[in-house]
Amino acid sequence: MRTAQELYTTGIRDHFAPALRALGFQGWRHSFSLPDHERWAVLGVHAVAGDGRVRYTVNLSVTDKAAWDRRSIRPDANSPTGLERWHSHIGELLPVGGEVWWEVAPGPRWLIAVEDSVAAVRGYALPELRRRLDADDRERYLGQAELDGVNGALAAARLARIQRAELTGWALELHGAWSRHDPAAQAVLAGAARGFLSVRDARFHTVRALDTLGRTLWEFRRPEDGNHPGAG
């Protein structure tokens, strides 16, 4: 029987890496990047072996090329240097939040973990990296610590948290892994939007809730203006 390390190596080489290259990444083994003239948008695979299995996770980073003085190689998302514009574990982008690890162990279903990690990259990591490559027109409104109250209400309702809150085009955009067909998420976010709008911040007149692919789910305005769901 093949060992976990052998299966992991095969999974990354023959399945994970080709899938990422098909998505537009360049690289191999444990380091991949999206092509961009000004920034390194990097995905790193970090693996830990032990107890007859291999556990691995994915880290992400975006670094200005002008700030990166080791031009012969791309930055390593698994080893932050402080030069990054942004760095994150992939789990922070997923509905579960926190760190997420996949596990490869001998057995007939060993490839499922690899396929699941590819799906996570396709659905969450890739859209976020692409967004970060075109984020100059956006201003962060609140950090995660300041969103604790709203995220606590979402967690209590077993809903995905707000991943980020940004200002763009006179709107406050709340991003998270929600669905338009989830009335509980709409209700909690509507309450949060009322709170944000009540401060009468001149920088935004509307609050939008978007999913992880950047699609508008709901748009909230002050009571006198009315609310409506997003299109698309």
C-alpha atoms as a PDB file:
ATOM      1  CA  MET A   1       0.000   0.000   0.000  1.00  0.00           C
ATOM      2  CA  ARG A   2       1.259   3.465  -0.846  1.00  0.00           C
ATOM      3  CA  THR A   3       2.171   5.708   2.060  1.00  0.00           C
ATOM      4  CA  ALA A   4       0.391   8.944   2.896  1.00  0.00           C
ATOM      5  CA  GLN A   5       3.428  10.931   1.750  1.00  0.00           C
ATOM      6  CA  GLU A   6       3.423   9.158  -1.611  1.00  0.00           C
ATOM      7  CA  LEU A   7      -0.301   9.762  -2.046  1.00  0.00           C
ATOM      8  CA  TYR A   8       0.039  13.412  -1.051  1.00  0.00           C
ATOM      9  CA  THR A   9       2.906  13.943  -3.503  1.00  0.00           C
ATOM     10  CA  THR A  10       0.875  12.310  -6.262  1.00  0.00           C
ATOM     11  CA  GLY A  11      -2.212  14.330  -5.380  1.00  0.00           C
ATOM     12  CA  ILE A  12      -0.403  17.660  -5.520  1.00  0.00           C
ATOM     13  CA  ARG A  13       1.619  16.810  -8.625  1.00  0.00           C
ATOM     14  CA  ASP A  14      -1.044  15.076 -10.719  1.00  0.00           C
ATOM     15  CA  HIS A  15      -4.267  16.708  -9.531  1.00  0.00           C
ATOM     16  CA  PHE A  16      -3.875  19.897  -7.477  1.00  0.00           C
ATOM     17  CA  ALA A  17      -1.159  21.598  -9.546  1.00  0.00           C
ATOM     18  CA  PRO A  18      -2.731  20.875 -12.967  1.00  0.00           C
ATOM     19  CA  ALA A  19      -6.106  22.094 -11.685  1.00  0.00           C
ATOM     20  CA  LEU A  20      -4.572  25.371 -10.483  1.00  0.00           C
ATOM     21  CA  ARG A  21      -2.758  25.896 -13.765  1.00  0.00           C
ATOM     22  CA  ALA A  22      -6.081  25.380 -15.553  1.00  0.00           C
ATOM     23  CA  LEU A  23      -7.483  28.188 -13.367  1.00  0.00           C
ATOM     24  CA  GLY A  24      -4.743  30.555 -14.522  1.00  0.00           C
ATOM     25  CA  PHE A  25      -2.086  30.040 -11.856  1.00  0.00           C
ATOM     26  CA  GLN A  26       1.575  29.599 -12.660  1.00  0.00           C
ATOM     27  CA  GLY A  27       3.880  27.430 -10.589  1.00  0.00           C
ATOM     28  CA  TRP A  28       4.211  23.908  -9.277  1.00  0.00           C
ATOM     29  CA  ARG A  29       4.432  21.811  -6.121  1.00  0.00           C
ATOM     30  CA  HIS A  30       3.813  24.182  -3.202  1.00  0.00           C
ATOM     31  CA  SER A  31       3.987  27.660  -4.744  1.00  0.00           C
ATOM     32  CA  PHE A  32       1.682  29.236  -7.318  1.00  0.00           C
ATOM     33  CA  SER A  33       0.964  32.780  -8.478  1.00  0.00           C
ATOM     34  CA  LEU A  34      -1.422  34.663 -10.730  1.00  0.00           C
ATOM     35  CA  PRO A  35       0.172  36.669 -13.563  1.00  0.00           C
ATOM     36  CA  ASP A  36       0.256  40.401 -12.838  1.00  0.00           C
ATOM     37  CA  HIS A  37       2.680  43.166 -13.803  1.00  0.00           C
ATOM     38  CA  GLU A  38       2.599  45.033 -10.490  1.00  0.00           C
ATOM     39  CA  ARG A  39       1.891  42.507  -7.742  1.00  0.00           C
ATOM     40  CA  TRP A  40       2.665  38.996  -6.639  1.00  0.00           C
ATOM     41  CA  ALA A  41      -0.624  37.200  -5.930  1.00  0.00           C
ATOM     42  CA  VAL A  42       0.661  33.996  -4.383  1.00  0.00           C
ATOM     43  CA  LEU A  43      -0.851  30.745  -3.164  1.00  0.00           C
ATOM     44  CA  GLY A  44       1.258  28.474  -0.980  1.00  0.00           C
ATOM     45  CA  VAL A  45       0.589  24.901   0.116  1.00  0.00           C
ATOM     46  CA  HIS A  46       1.857  24.109   3.613  1.00  0.00           C
ATOM     47  CA  ALA A  47       2.034  20.425   4.557  1.00  0.00           C
ATOM     48  CA  VAL A  48       2.741  18.612   7.830  1.00  0.00           C
ATOM     49  CA  ALA A  49       3.335  14.851   7.956  1.00  0.00           C
ATOM     50  CA  GLY A  50       2.820  12.621  10.977  1.00  0.00           C
ATOM     51  CA  ASP A  51       0.905   9.642  12.383  1.00  0.00           C
ATOM     52  CA  GLY A  52       0.694   7.964   8.994  1.00  0.00           C
ATOM     53  CA  ARG A  53      -1.017  10.884   7.262  1.00  0.00           C
ATOM     54  CA  VAL A  54      -0.266  14.248   5.692  1.00  0.00           C
ATOM     55  CA  ARG A  55      -2.243  17.351   6.629  1.00  0.00           C
ATOM     56  CA  TYR A  56      -2.017  20.451   4.480  1.00  0.00           C
ATOM     57  CA  THR A  57      -3.495  23.911   4.230  1.00  0.00           C
ATOM     58  CA  VAL A  58      -3.341  26.833   1.806  1.00  0.00           C
ATOM     59  CA  ASN A  59      -2.011  30.323   2.500  1.00  0.00           C
ATOM     60  CA  LEU A  60      -2.477  33.399   0.328  1.00  0.00           C
ATOM     61  CA  SER A  61      -0.641  36.687  -0.041  1.00  0.00           C
ATOM     62  CA  VAL A  62      -0.435  39.754  -2.256  1.00  0.00           C
ATOM     63  CA  THR A  63       2.822  41.736  -2.400  1.00  0.00           C
ATOM     64  CA  ASP A  64       3.823  44.744  -4.491  1.00  0.00           C
ATOM     65  CA  LYS A  65       6.615  43.754  -6.850  1.00  0.00           C
ATOM     66  CA  ALA A  66       8.237  47.134  -6.252  1.00  0.00           C
ATOM     67  CA  ALA A  67       8.591  46.208  -2.578  1.00  0.00           C
ATOM     68  CA  TRP A  68       9.932  42.725  -3.282  1.00  0.00           C
ATOM     69  CA  ASP A  69      13.696  42.846  -3.725  1.00  0.00           C
ATOM     70  CA  ARG A  70      14.210  39.125  -4.359  1.00  0.00           C
ATOM     71  CA  ARG A  71      12.988  39.233  -7.929  1.00  0.00           C
ATOM     72  CA  SER A  72      14.381  35.838  -8.934  1.00  0.00           C
ATOM     73  CA  ILE A  73      11.693  34.013  -6.952  1.00  0.00           C
ATOM     74  CA  ARG A  74       8.131  34.795  -5.957  1.00  0.00           C
ATOM     75  CA  PRO A  75       7.263  35.494  -2.305  1.00  0.00           C
ATOM     76  CA  ASP A  76       6.357  32.506  -0.151  1.00  0.00           C
ATOM     77  CA  ALA A  77       2.797  32.790   1.151  1.00  0.00           C
ATOM     78  CA  ASN A  78       3.688  30.240   3.833  1.00  0.00           C
ATOM     79  CA  SER A  79       6.374  32.537   5.290  1.00  0.00           C
ATOM     80  CA  PRO A  80       5.147  36.145   5.630  1.00  0.00           C
ATOM     81  CA  THR A  81       7.856  38.811   5.581  1.00  0.00           C
ATOM     82  CA  GLY A  82       5.874  41.911   6.504  1.00  0.00           C
ATOM     83  CA  LEU A  83       6.083  43.270   2.957  1.00  0.00           C
ATOM     84  CA  GLU A  84       2.685  41.889   2.011  1.00  0.00           C
ATOM     85  CA  ARG A  85      -0.271  44.110   1.200  1.00  0.00           C
ATOM     86  CA  TRP A  86      -2.429  41.229   2.392  1.00  0.00           C
ATOM     87  CA  HIS A  87      -1.950  37.746   3.842  1.00  0.00           C
ATOM     88  CA  SER A  88      -4.543  35.163   4.837  1.00  0.00           C
ATOM     89  CA  HIS A  89      -5.204  31.504   5.534  1.00  0.00           C
ATOM     90  CA  ILE A  90      -7.726  30.105   3.080  1.00  0.00           C
ATOM     91  CA  GLY A  91      -9.960  29.144   5.996  1.00  0.00           C
ATOM     92  CA  GLU A  92     -10.600  32.818   6.710  1.00  0.00           C
ATOM     93  CA  LEU A  93     -12.351  33.039   3.333  1.00  0.00           C
ATOM     94  CA  LEU A  94     -14.487  29.933   3.842  1.00  0.00           C
ATOM     95  CA  PRO A  95     -17.852  29.921   5.627  1.00  0.00           C
ATOM     96  CA  VAL A  96     -16.350  28.005   8.573  1.00  0.00           C
ATOM     97  CA  GLY A  97     -13.707  30.675   9.249  1.00  0.00           C
ATOM     98  CA  GLY A  98     -10.366  30.060  10.975  1.00  0.00           C
ATOM     99  CA  GLU A  99      -7.756  27.578   9.824  1.00  0.00           C
ATOM    100  CA  VAL A 100      -8.764  24.723   7.535  1.00  0.00           C
ATOM    101  CA  TRP A 101      -6.621  21.641   6.911  1.00  0.00           C
ATOM    102  CA  TRP A 102      -7.069  18.779   4.470  1.00  0.00           C
ATOM    103  CA  GLU A 103      -5.839  15.310   5.335  1.00  0.00           C
ATOM    104  CA  VAL A 104      -4.432  12.631   3.035  1.00  0.00           C
ATOM    105  CA  ALA A 105      -4.216   9.095   4.419  1.00  0.00           C
ATOM    106  CA  PRO A 106      -3.921   5.657   2.802  1.00  0.00           C
ATOM    107  CA  GLY A 107      -7.221   4.256   1.628  1.00  0.00           C
ATOM    108  CA  PRO A 108      -9.577   4.278  -1.355  1.00  0.00           C
ATOM    109  CA  ARG A 109     -10.892   7.803  -0.666  1.00  0.00           C
ATOM    110  CA  TRP A 110      -7.569   9.615  -0.294  1.00  0.00           C
ATOM    111  CA  LEU A 111      -8.129  11.823  -3.363  1.00  0.00           C
ATOM    112  CA  ILE A 112     -11.300  13.411  -1.956  1.00  0.00           C
ATOM    113  CA  ALA A 113      -9.273  15.790   0.223  1.00  0.00           C
ATOM    114  CA  VAL A 114      -7.268  16.984  -2.771  1.00  0.00           C
ATOM    115  CA  GLU A 115     -10.393  17.532  -4.849  1.00  0.00           C
ATOM    116  CA  ASP A 116     -12.020  19.418  -1.977  1.00  0.00           C
ATOM    117  CA  SER A 117      -9.006  21.716  -1.630  1.00  0.00           C
ATOM    118  CA  VAL A 118      -9.102  22.463  -5.361  1.00  0.00           C
ATOM    119  CA  ALA A 119     -12.787  23.374  -5.033  1.00  0.00           C
ATOM    120  CA  ALA A 120     -11.945  25.735  -2.153  1.00  0.00           C
ATOM    121  CA  VAL A 121      -9.281  27.446  -4.247  1.00  0.00           C
ATOM    122  CA  ARG A 122     -11.647  27.755  -7.203  1.00  0.00           C
ATOM    123  CA  GLY A 123     -14.586  29.058  -5.202  1.00  0.00           C
ATOM    124  CA  TYR A 124     -12.890  31.255  -2.604  1.00  0.00           C
ATOM    125  CA  ALA A 125      -9.132  31.792  -2.958  1.00  0.00           C
ATOM    126  CA  LEU A 126      -9.054  32.615  -6.667  1.00  0.00           C
ATOM    127  CA  PRO A 127     -11.865  35.224  -6.571  1.00  0.00           C
ATOM    128  CA  GLU A 128     -10.266  36.893  -3.549  1.00  0.00           C
ATOM    129  CA  LEU A 129      -6.797  37.026  -5.102  1.00  0.00           C
ATOM    130  CA  ARG A 130      -8.240  38.484  -8.292  1.00  0.00           C
ATOM    131  CA  ARG A 131     -10.145  41.070  -6.298  1.00  0.00           C
ATOM    132  CA  ARG A 132      -6.985  41.983  -4.393  1.00  0.00           C
ATOM    133  CA  LEU A 133      -5.177  42.607  -7.674  1.00  0.00           C
ATOM    134  CA  ASP A 134      -7.757  45.280  -8.495  1.00  0.00           C
ATOM    135  CA  ALA A 135      -8.470  46.829  -5.107  1.00  0.00           C
ATOM    136  CA  ASP A 136      -7.002  50.339  -5.338  1.00  0.00           C
ATOM    137  CA  ASP A 137     -10.408  52.027  -5.471  1.00  0.00           C
ATOM    138  CA  ARG A 138     -11.636  50.451  -2.238  1.00  0.00           C
ATOM    139  CA  GLU A 139     -11.230  51.640   1.322  1.00  0.00           C
ATOM    140  CA  ARG A 140     -11.562  49.306   4.279  1.00  0.00           C
ATOM    141  CA  TYR A 141     -14.367  50.536   6.519  1.00  0.00           C
ATOM    142  CA  LEU A 142     -14.071  48.313   9.583  1.00  0.00           C
ATOM    143  CA  GLY A 143     -11.597  45.674  10.713  1.00  0.00           C
ATOM    144  CA  GLN A 144     -12.565  42.224  11.968  1.00  0.00           C
ATOM    145  CA  ALA A 145     -12.383  43.304  15.614  1.00  0.00           C
ATOM    146  CA  GLU A 146     -14.868  46.108  14.926  1.00  0.00           C
ATOM    147  CA  LEU A 147     -17.218  43.679  13.192  1.00  0.00           C
ATOM    148  CA  ASP A 148     -17.353  41.345  16.193  1.00  0.00           C
ATOM    149  CA  GLY A 149     -20.855  42.424  17.202  1.00  0.00           C
ATOM    150  CA  VAL A 150     -22.414  41.743  13.815  1.00  0.00           C
ATOM    151  CA  ASN A 151     -20.403  38.576  13.328  1.00  0.00           C
ATOM    152  CA  GLY A 152     -21.516  37.393  16.753  1.00  0.00           C
ATOM    153  CA  ALA A 153     -25.152  37.750  15.692  1.00  0.00           C
ATOM    154  CA  LEU A 154     -24.420  35.902  12.458  1.00  0.00           C
ATOM    155  CA  ALA A 155     -22.647  33.121  14.347  1.00  0.00           C
ATOM    156  CA  ALA A 156     -25.556  32.805  16.778  1.00  0.00           C
ATOM    157  CA  ALA A 157     -27.837  32.250  13.789  1.00  0.00           C
ATOM    158  CA  ARG A 158     -25.314  29.760  12.345  1.00  0.00           C
ATOM    159  CA  LEU A 159     -24.574  32.043   9.422  1.00  0.00           C
ATOM    160  CA  ALA A 160     -21.286  32.926   7.734  1.00  0.00           C
ATOM    161  CA  ARG A 161     -19.487  35.958   9.128  1.00  0.00           C
ATOM    162  CA  ILE A 162     -18.683  39.217   7.353  1.00  0.00           C
ATOM    163  CA  GLN A 163     -15.294  38.654   5.763  1.00  0.00           C
ATOM    164  CA  ARG A 164     -14.654  42.315   5.004  1.00  0.00           C
ATOM    165  CA  ALA A 165     -16.422  45.682   4.910  1.00  0.00           C
ATOM    166  CA  GLU A 166     -15.304  48.178   2.270  1.00  0.00           C
ATOM    167  CA  LEU A 167     -16.310  51.543   0.885  1.00  0.00           C
ATOM    168  CA  THR A 168     -16.684  51.972  -2.855  1.00  0.00           C
ATOM    169  CA  GLY A 169     -18.800  54.323  -4.958  1.00  0.00           C
ATOM    170  CA  TRP A 170     -20.861  55.798  -2.076  1.00  0.00           C
ATOM    171  CA  ALA A 171     -21.703  52.307  -0.850  1.00  0.00           C
ATOM    172  CA  LEU A 172     -20.595  50.173   2.082  1.00  0.00           C
ATOM    173  CA  GLU A 173     -20.072  46.630   0.823  1.00  0.00           C
ATOM    174  CA  LEU A 174     -20.259  43.648   3.176  1.00  0.00           C
ATOM    175  CA  HIS A 175     -18.740  40.458   1.781  1.00  0.00           C
ATOM    176  CA  GLY A 176     -19.468  36.951   3.019  1.00  0.00           C
ATOM    177  CA  ALA A 177     -20.428  33.394   2.086  1.00  0.00           C
ATOM    178  CA  TRP A 178     -24.185  33.971   1.987  1.00  0.00           C
ATOM    179  CA  SER A 179     -26.944  32.991  -0.422  1.00  0.00           C
ATOM    180  CA  ARG A 180     -29.808  35.113  -1.716  1.00  0.00           C
ATOM    181  CA  HIS A 181     -32.126  32.255  -0.756  1.00  0.00           C
ATOM    182  CA  ASP A 182     -31.258  32.545   2.953  1.00  0.00           C
ATOM    183  CA  PRO A 183     -33.837  34.783   4.679  1.00  0.00           C
ATOM    184  CA  ALA A 184     -32.053  34.495   8.029  1.00  0.00           C
ATOM    185  CA  ALA A 185     -28.880  36.005   6.579  1.00  0.00           C
ATOM    186  CA  GLN A 186     -30.916  38.746   4.923  1.00  0.00           C
ATOM    187  CA  ALA A 187     -32.644  39.581   8.207  1.00  0.00           C
ATOM    188  CA  VAL A 188     -29.436  39.771  10.261  1.00  0.00           C
ATOM    189  CA  LEU A 189     -27.630  41.802   7.610  1.00  0.00           C
ATOM    190  CA  ALA A 190     -30.604  44.139   7.266  1.00  0.00           C
ATOM    191  CA  GLY A 191     -30.329  44.866  10.977  1.00  0.00           C
ATOM    192  CA  ALA A 192     -26.599  45.463  10.645  1.00  0.00           C
ATOM    193  CA  ALA A 193     -27.215  47.764   7.682  1.00  0.00           C
ATOM    194  CA  ARG A 194     -29.689  49.828   9.689  1.00  0.00           C
ATOM    195  CA  GLY A 195     -27.018  50.306  12.314  1.00  0.00           C
ATOM    196  CA  PHE A 196     -24.394  51.342   9.775  1.00  0.00           C
ATOM    197  CA  LEU A 197     -26.785  53.742   8.033  1.00  0.00           C
ATOM    198  CA  SER A 198     -27.980  55.276  11.298  1.00  0.00           C
ATOM    199  CA  VAL A 199     -24.595  56.939  11.872  1.00  0.00           C
ATOM    200  CA  ARG A 200     -25.183  59.043   8.727  1.00  0.00           C
ATOM    201  CA  ASP A 201     -21.620  58.592   7.500  1.00  0.00           C
ATOM    202  CA  ALA A 202     -21.245  60.924   4.513  1.00  0.00           C
ATOM    203  CA  ARG A 203     -19.049  58.397   2.707  1.00  0.00           C
ATOM    204  CA  PHE A 204     -21.897  55.985   1.942  1.00  0.00           C
ATOM    205  CA  HIS A 205     -25.650  56.127   1.384  1.00  0.00           C
ATOM    206  CA  THR A 206     -26.226  52.418   0.712  1.00  0.00           C
ATOM    207  CA  VAL A 207     -25.178  49.106   2.274  1.00  0.00           C
ATOM    208  CA  ARG A 208     -24.770  46.116  -0.021  1.00  0.00           C
ATOM    209  CA  ALA A 209     -24.340  42.464   0.933  1.00  0.00           C
ATOM    210  CA  LEU A 210     -22.266  40.500  -1.587  1.00  0.00           C
ATOM    211  CA  ASP A 211     -21.355  36.830  -1.806  1.00  0.00           C
ATOM    212  CA  THR A 212     -17.796  35.549  -2.135  1.00  0.00           C
ATOM    213  CA  LEU A 213     -17.937  35.890  -5.925  1.00  0.00           C
ATOM    214  CA  GLY A 214     -18.766  39.589  -5.623  1.00  0.00           C
ATOM    215  CA  ARG A 215     -22.423  39.266  -6.625  1.00  0.00           C
ATOM    216  CA  THR A 216     -24.864  41.643  -4.946  1.00  0.00           C
ATOM    217  CA  LEU A 217     -27.410  39.745  -2.858  1.00  0.00           C
ATOM    218  CA  TRP A 218     -29.246  42.567  -1.089  1.00  0.00           C
ATOM    219  CA  GLU A 219     -29.039  46.338  -1.052  1.00  0.00           C
ATOM    220  CA  PHE A 220     -30.138  48.299   1.991  1.00  0.00           C
ATOM    221  CA  ARG A 221     -30.885  52.005   2.163  1.00  0.00           C
ATOM    222  CA  ARG A 222     -32.212  54.385   4.752  1.00  0.00           C
ATOM    223  CA  PRO A 223     -35.928  53.798   5.486  1.00  0.00           C
ATOM    224  CA  GLU A 224     -36.964  56.812   3.462  1.00  0.00           C
ATOM    225  CA  ASP A 225     -35.161  55.425   0.402  1.00  0.00           C
ATOM    226  CA  GLY A 226     -36.354  51.796   0.529  1.00  0.00           C
ATOM    227  CA  ASN A 227     -34.484  48.496   0.099  1.00  0.00           C
ATOM    228  CA  HIS A 228     -34.311  45.989  -2.700  1.00  0.00           C
ATOM    229  CA  PRO A 229     -32.567  42.680  -3.461  1.00  0.00           C
ATOM    230  CA  GLY A 230     -29.604  42.584  -5.798  1.00  0.00           C
ATOM    231  CA  ALA A 231     -29.751  41.383  -9.343  1.00  0.00           C
ATOM    232  CA  GLY A 232     -27.699  38.780 -11.119  1.00  0.00           C
END
